[in-house]
């Protein structure tokens, strides 16, 4: 377990215009991290940078779509020119879709995977030379408790987070000899704009949860895990219960989820 200092950390955060990404950027900058933040929407990014001007850490924004290889290259070039190294990469950008799989267009699956999995994996690949020259570097992949136990009507989203989970576990073992950490963060439902920006939502299917966690809380736990050198965190008691139920009594978990999940 490698402990890390946030002060002076050089980081890149995707999906920083709202929700968990925005909270992570603000809290990291308040702790003294220097950040390059990115998202598709320029206006919220600009307001994030403006609101952070008095914080100890410096923050710059670069709007663009991380599924675009050209934008990923521009991000890496900006990090190289600004710091010539990277201590922290946060893959937070993500999208969901809600509805029965059998009724979905194939493009729904591809759209979810392009952002939730392929963009994150390829950004890791492209930033690897920068991470190798960083100080106690760490890759943070924002997954989901649904990457441990799937539920109906969110099949594409669950599959993408399962893929990110498996990739994170494999990559962590590969990079351990180089001293590069991989932290998988698995929140439960969080109060963000996520459910306002679904690729698709079927009529009559519930998307969110009435007792969702705050993005600020997820960010605080994530930063604590970065500091402590953790490999994985599941953030809520309900999430932990779901994961352990699936591991210890999978047949019971299947019956309960089939009966009670939306």
Protein backbone atom coordinates (compact mmCIF):
# COMPACT_ATOMS: atom_id res chain seq x y z
CA UNK A 1 0.00 0.00 0.00
CA UNK A 2 1.71 3.21 -1.20
CA UNK A 3 0.61 6.35 0.58
CA UNK A 4 0.41 9.48 -1.51
CA UNK A 5 0.36 13.22 -0.95
CA UNK A 6 -2.19 15.26 -2.89
CA UNK A 7 -0.14 18.45 -2.53
CA UNK A 8 1.59 19.13 -5.84
CA UNK A 9 0.04 16.10 -7.56
CA UNK A 10 -0.35 16.52 -11.34
CA UNK A 11 -3.62 15.06 -12.55
CA UNK A 12 -5.93 14.59 -15.53
CA UNK A 13 -9.67 14.13 -14.88
CA UNK A 14 -12.25 13.21 -17.51
CA UNK A 15 -15.97 13.94 -17.17
CA UNK A 16 -15.17 16.93 -14.96
CA UNK A 17 -18.04 19.20 -15.99
CA UNK A 18 -20.47 17.83 -13.38
CA UNK A 19 -21.10 15.24 -10.71
CA UNK A 20 -18.30 13.13 -9.31
CA UNK A 21 -15.71 14.50 -11.73
CA UNK A 22 -16.42 18.11 -10.82
CA UNK A 23 -16.36 17.37 -7.10
CA UNK A 24 -13.11 15.45 -7.44
CA UNK A 25 -11.52 18.35 -9.30
CA UNK A 26 -12.61 20.91 -6.69
CA UNK A 27 -11.56 18.83 -3.70
CA UNK A 28 -8.22 17.82 -5.24
CA UNK A 29 -7.43 21.43 -6.15
CA UNK A 30 -8.38 22.49 -2.63
CA UNK A 31 -5.80 19.99 -1.36
CA UNK A 32 -3.11 21.42 -3.64
CA UNK A 33 -3.28 19.24 -6.77
CA UNK A 34 -2.66 20.76 -10.21
CA UNK A 35 -5.19 19.53 -12.74
CA UNK A 36 -6.10 19.34 -16.39
CA UNK A 37 -9.85 18.78 -16.57
CA UNK A 38 -11.83 17.71 -19.60
CA UNK A 39 -15.43 17.07 -20.67
CA UNK A 40 -17.50 17.63 -23.78
CA UNK A 41 -19.21 20.79 -22.52
CA UNK A 42 -16.94 23.84 -22.45
CA UNK A 43 -19.15 26.18 -20.41
CA UNK A 44 -19.37 24.06 -17.22
CA UNK A 45 -15.63 23.40 -17.46
CA UNK A 46 -14.91 27.12 -17.68
CA UNK A 47 -17.12 27.79 -14.66
CA UNK A 48 -15.27 25.04 -12.75
CA UNK A 49 -11.90 26.64 -13.48
CA UNK A 50 -13.21 30.08 -12.58
CA UNK A 51 -14.67 28.89 -9.28
CA UNK A 52 -11.35 27.24 -8.39
CA UNK A 53 -9.09 30.24 -8.95
CA UNK A 54 -8.58 30.88 -5.25
CA UNK A 55 -7.75 27.26 -4.41
CA UNK A 56 -4.15 26.17 -3.75
CA UNK A 57 -3.99 23.93 -6.83
CA UNK A 58 -3.96 25.25 -10.38
CA UNK A 59 -6.60 24.07 -12.84
CA UNK A 60 -6.86 24.31 -16.62
CA UNK A 61 -9.62 23.00 -18.88
CA UNK A 62 -9.68 21.45 -22.34
CA UNK A 63 -13.12 20.66 -23.73
CA UNK A 64 -13.58 17.68 -26.02
CA UNK A 65 -14.89 14.14 -26.41
CA UNK A 66 -12.61 11.47 -24.90
CA UNK A 67 -13.98 8.91 -27.35
CA UNK A 68 -12.19 10.94 -30.04
CA UNK A 69 -8.58 9.72 -30.47
CA UNK A 70 -7.55 13.21 -31.54
CA UNK A 71 -8.79 14.72 -28.30
CA UNK A 72 -6.98 12.09 -26.24
CA UNK A 73 -3.77 12.93 -28.10
CA UNK A 74 -4.27 16.63 -27.44
CA UNK A 75 -4.75 15.93 -23.74
CA UNK A 76 -1.49 13.97 -23.58
CA UNK A 77 0.33 16.71 -25.49
CA UNK A 78 -1.00 19.31 -23.04
CA UNK A 79 0.19 17.27 -20.05
CA UNK A 80 3.59 16.80 -21.68
CA UNK A 81 4.00 20.50 -22.38
CA UNK A 82 2.77 21.59 -18.97
CA UNK A 83 4.33 19.04 -16.60
CA UNK A 84 6.18 16.41 -18.68
CA UNK A 85 4.76 13.81 -16.25
CA UNK A 86 1.48 12.64 -14.74
CA UNK A 87 0.82 11.50 -11.17
CA UNK A 88 -2.93 10.92 -11.40
CA UNK A 89 -5.34 9.86 -14.14
CA UNK A 90 -9.05 9.75 -13.28
CA UNK A 91 -11.29 8.00 -15.80
CA UNK A 92 -14.65 9.36 -14.70
CA UNK A 93 -16.49 10.13 -17.96
CA UNK A 94 -19.40 7.76 -18.40
CA UNK A 95 -22.89 7.27 -19.77
CA UNK A 96 -25.76 4.88 -19.14
CA UNK A 97 -28.91 3.56 -20.77
CA UNK A 98 -32.01 2.09 -19.17
CA UNK A 99 -34.41 -0.39 -20.73
CA UNK A 100 -34.78 -4.05 -21.72
CA UNK A 101 -31.85 -5.33 -23.78
CA UNK A 102 -34.06 -7.19 -26.28
CA UNK A 103 -35.79 -3.96 -27.27
CA UNK A 104 -32.62 -1.89 -27.66
CA UNK A 105 -30.86 -0.77 -30.81
CA UNK A 106 -27.34 -2.23 -31.15
CA UNK A 107 -25.95 1.30 -31.16
CA UNK A 108 -26.95 1.67 -27.53
CA UNK A 109 -24.50 -1.03 -26.50
CA UNK A 110 -21.72 0.41 -28.65
CA UNK A 111 -22.28 3.94 -27.38
CA UNK A 112 -22.07 2.88 -23.73
CA UNK A 113 -18.92 0.83 -24.28
CA UNK A 114 -17.17 3.51 -26.34
CA UNK A 115 -17.25 5.97 -23.45
CA UNK A 116 -17.33 3.78 -20.36
CA UNK A 117 -14.68 1.29 -21.43
CA UNK A 118 -12.78 1.90 -24.66
CA UNK A 119 -12.12 5.61 -24.09
CA UNK A 120 -10.85 4.94 -20.57
CA UNK A 121 -8.62 2.05 -21.64
CA UNK A 122 -7.14 3.92 -24.58
CA UNK A 123 -6.49 7.02 -22.48
CA UNK A 124 -4.58 4.82 -20.04
CA UNK A 125 -2.54 3.43 -22.93
CA UNK A 126 -1.71 6.90 -24.23
CA UNK A 127 -0.82 8.38 -20.84
CA UNK A 128 1.37 5.46 -19.77
CA UNK A 129 4.67 7.16 -20.68
CA UNK A 130 3.63 10.19 -18.62
CA UNK A 131 2.56 8.04 -15.66
CA UNK A 132 5.86 6.18 -15.72
CA UNK A 133 7.67 9.46 -15.03
CA UNK A 134 5.23 10.57 -12.30
CA UNK A 135 5.58 10.54 -8.52
CA UNK A 136 3.80 7.53 -6.94
CA UNK A 137 1.41 7.55 -9.94
CA UNK A 138 -2.08 6.15 -9.77
CA UNK A 139 -4.87 5.43 -12.24
CA UNK A 140 -8.37 5.88 -10.81
CA UNK A 141 -11.20 4.17 -12.69
CA UNK A 142 -14.68 5.21 -11.59
CA UNK A 143 -16.68 2.02 -11.89
CA UNK A 144 -19.92 1.06 -10.18
CA UNK A 145 -21.29 -1.46 -7.72
CA UNK A 146 -23.12 -2.71 -10.84
CA UNK A 147 -19.70 -3.77 -12.10
CA UNK A 148 -19.79 -6.38 -9.31
CA UNK A 149 -23.43 -7.43 -9.48
CA UNK A 150 -25.66 -6.73 -12.48
CA UNK A 151 -29.34 -5.79 -12.42
CA UNK A 152 -32.04 -5.93 -15.11
CA UNK A 153 -32.70 -3.14 -17.62
CA UNK A 154 -29.16 -1.76 -17.30
CA UNK A 155 -27.41 -4.59 -19.12
CA UNK A 156 -25.14 -2.46 -21.31
CA UNK A 157 -24.07 -0.24 -18.44
CA UNK A 158 -23.43 -3.22 -16.15
CA UNK A 159 -21.43 -4.97 -18.86
CA UNK A 160 -19.25 -1.92 -19.43
CA UNK A 161 -18.52 -1.58 -15.71
CA UNK A 162 -17.80 -5.31 -15.38
CA UNK A 163 -15.31 -4.89 -18.23
CA UNK A 164 -13.68 -1.91 -16.49
CA UNK A 165 -13.53 -3.91 -13.24
CA UNK A 166 -11.80 -6.86 -14.88
CA UNK A 167 -9.43 -4.63 -16.81
CA UNK A 168 -8.51 -2.72 -13.63
CA UNK A 169 -7.71 -5.94 -11.75
CA UNK A 170 -5.51 -7.20 -14.58
CA UNK A 171 -3.75 -3.88 -15.13
CA UNK A 172 -3.07 -3.47 -11.40
CA UNK A 173 -1.11 -6.73 -11.40
CA UNK A 174 0.76 -5.78 -14.58
CA UNK A 175 1.80 -2.36 -13.30
CA UNK A 176 2.64 -3.33 -9.72
CA UNK A 177 6.34 -3.93 -10.51
CA UNK A 178 6.53 -0.38 -11.92
CA UNK A 179 4.95 1.20 -8.86
CA UNK A 180 1.88 2.48 -10.73
CA UNK A 181 -1.30 2.01 -8.72
CA UNK A 182 -4.78 1.23 -10.03
CA UNK A 183 -7.73 2.22 -7.86
CA UNK A 184 -11.23 1.00 -8.78
CA UNK A 185 -13.99 3.10 -7.21
CA UNK A 186 -17.41 1.44 -7.12
CA UNK A 187 -20.14 3.88 -6.05
CA UNK A 188 -23.79 3.03 -5.73
CA UNK A 189 -26.37 5.40 -7.22
CA UNK A 190 -25.12 8.99 -6.91
CA UNK A 191 -26.95 12.31 -7.16
CA UNK A 192 -25.52 13.70 -10.42
CA UNK A 193 -26.67 14.65 -13.94
CA UNK A 194 -25.99 11.05 -15.00
CA UNK A 195 -29.66 10.08 -15.25
CA UNK A 196 -30.48 13.27 -17.15
CA UNK A 197 -28.02 12.29 -19.89
CA UNK A 198 -28.88 8.65 -20.54
CA UNK A 199 -28.46 7.40 -24.08
CA UNK A 200 -31.91 5.86 -23.74
CA UNK A 201 -34.57 5.30 -21.10
CA UNK A 202 -37.49 2.94 -21.66
CA UNK A 203 -40.95 4.04 -20.54
CA UNK A 204 -41.89 2.84 -17.07
CA UNK A 205 -38.36 1.79 -16.07
CA UNK A 206 -36.90 3.42 -12.96
CA UNK A 207 -33.43 4.88 -13.55
CA UNK A 208 -32.25 6.17 -10.20
CA UNK A 209 -32.70 5.52 -6.51
CA UNK A 210 -34.48 7.68 -3.92
CA UNK A 211 -31.60 7.55 -1.41
CA UNK A 212 -28.64 8.30 -3.65
CA UNK A 213 -25.26 9.36 -2.30
CA UNK A 214 -23.87 12.81 -2.97
CA UNK A 215 -21.10 13.36 -5.51
CA UNK A 216 -19.15 15.24 -2.82
CA UNK A 217 -19.20 12.17 -0.58
CA UNK A 218 -17.98 9.91 -3.39
CA UNK A 219 -15.17 12.38 -4.11
CA UNK A 220 -14.10 12.51 -0.45
CA UNK A 221 -13.90 8.72 -0.19
CA UNK A 222 -12.02 8.52 -3.48
CA UNK A 223 -9.39 11.05 -2.40
CA UNK A 224 -8.98 9.25 0.93
CA UNK A 225 -8.39 6.01 -0.98
CA UNK A 226 -5.84 7.72 -3.26
CA UNK A 227 -3.96 8.99 -0.21
CA UNK A 228 -3.99 5.59 1.48
CA UNK A 229 -2.92 3.65 -1.59
CA UNK A 230 -6.07 1.52 -1.75
CA UNK A 231 -6.75 -0.82 -4.68
CA UNK A 232 -10.55 -0.80 -4.58
CA UNK A 233 -13.40 0.76 -2.62
CA UNK A 234 -17.12 -0.01 -2.52
CA UNK A 235 -18.71 3.05 -1.00
CA UNK A 236 -22.05 2.23 0.61
CA UNK A 237 -23.31 -0.40 3.06
CA UNK A 238 -26.00 -1.35 0.56
CA UNK A 239 -23.42 -1.78 -2.17
CA UNK A 240 -21.24 -3.96 0.04
CA UNK A 241 -24.26 -6.05 1.04
CA UNK A 242 -25.18 -6.57 -2.61
CA UNK A 243 -21.64 -7.65 -3.50
CA UNK A 244 -21.32 -10.07 -0.57
CA UNK A 245 -24.78 -11.49 -1.16
CA UNK A 246 -23.79 -12.24 -4.74
CA UNK A 247 -20.51 -13.84 -3.67
CA UNK A 248 -21.89 -15.96 -0.84
CA UNK A 249 -25.43 -16.77 -2.01
CA UNK A 250 -25.57 -16.12 -5.78
CA UNK A 251 -28.76 -18.13 -6.29
CA UNK A 252 -30.57 -16.10 -3.64
CA UNK A 253 -29.19 -12.89 -5.15
CA UNK A 254 -30.51 -13.89 -8.57
CA UNK A 255 -33.99 -14.59 -7.21
CA UNK A 256 -34.20 -11.36 -5.20
CA UNK A 257 -32.96 -9.16 -8.02
CA UNK A 258 -35.22 -10.81 -10.59
CA UNK A 259 -38.20 -10.28 -8.30
CA UNK A 260 -37.59 -6.85 -6.80
CA UNK A 261 -35.23 -4.90 -9.06
CA UNK A 262 -36.92 -2.48 -11.48
